[in-house]
Amino acid sequence: MKTSSTSKRCWWPTDELYIRYHDTEWGVPLHDDCELFEFLVLEGAQAGLSWHTVLKKRENYRAAFDRFDPEKVARYSAARIRKLLRNAGIIRNRLKIHSAVQNAKAFLKVQEEFGSFDAYIWRFVDGKPIINRWKTMKDVPPRTPVSDALSRDLQQRGFKFVGSTICYAHMQATGMVNDHLTTCFRHKQLS
């Protein structure tokens, strides 16, 4: 990927961490189940906070949550959850930590039913990214009918912290939608 200090980006990358994430990950179609689970947990952890806060803690999350192996996370005991609640390297919110464990269990059921979480989630966009053509940040919606449908379905399957806004952020992060502004160099690269 070609980039330079003069490359025009979306409005939100304000520091090196954000720039690296924007330029290499955000909006790239993702089909690896463990990585999809990682984003599901991280998006839930972000609820009410900034994505920057979560990104700064991402490596700590990877260590604390067994590199986001859903089979391991689904088996976390009460003692393991208490240990996570004492881990200053992650967001120590009881509901969010419990939801990660619950979501791992629901994730495994989805894998069993559909063969993979990837097969399940990408069907909401017919298997290919939705390419939006936003000109300004005001154009980018916080949710869409597709994220509403995904949220409802995930909740019916027992997932927690998967409201429509969280689902839309997940769709953006994992490349189900290309929400880079049309003026951003990544929009064309990912279209």
Foldseek 3Di string as FASTA:
>chain_A
DDDDPPFDFADPQDDPLSVCLRVPFFQAADQDQQVLLLLLLLLLQCVVHDNVLSSQLSVVCCVLCVNSPLVVLLPDDPVSLVVVLVDPSGRNDSVSSVLSNQLSVLLVVVCVVQVHVSSVLLVLLPNAAAQDAAAHPVVDDLFDPSLCVVLVVSVVSRHPSRHRSSSVSSCRRNNSYPPIHPSGPVSVVSD
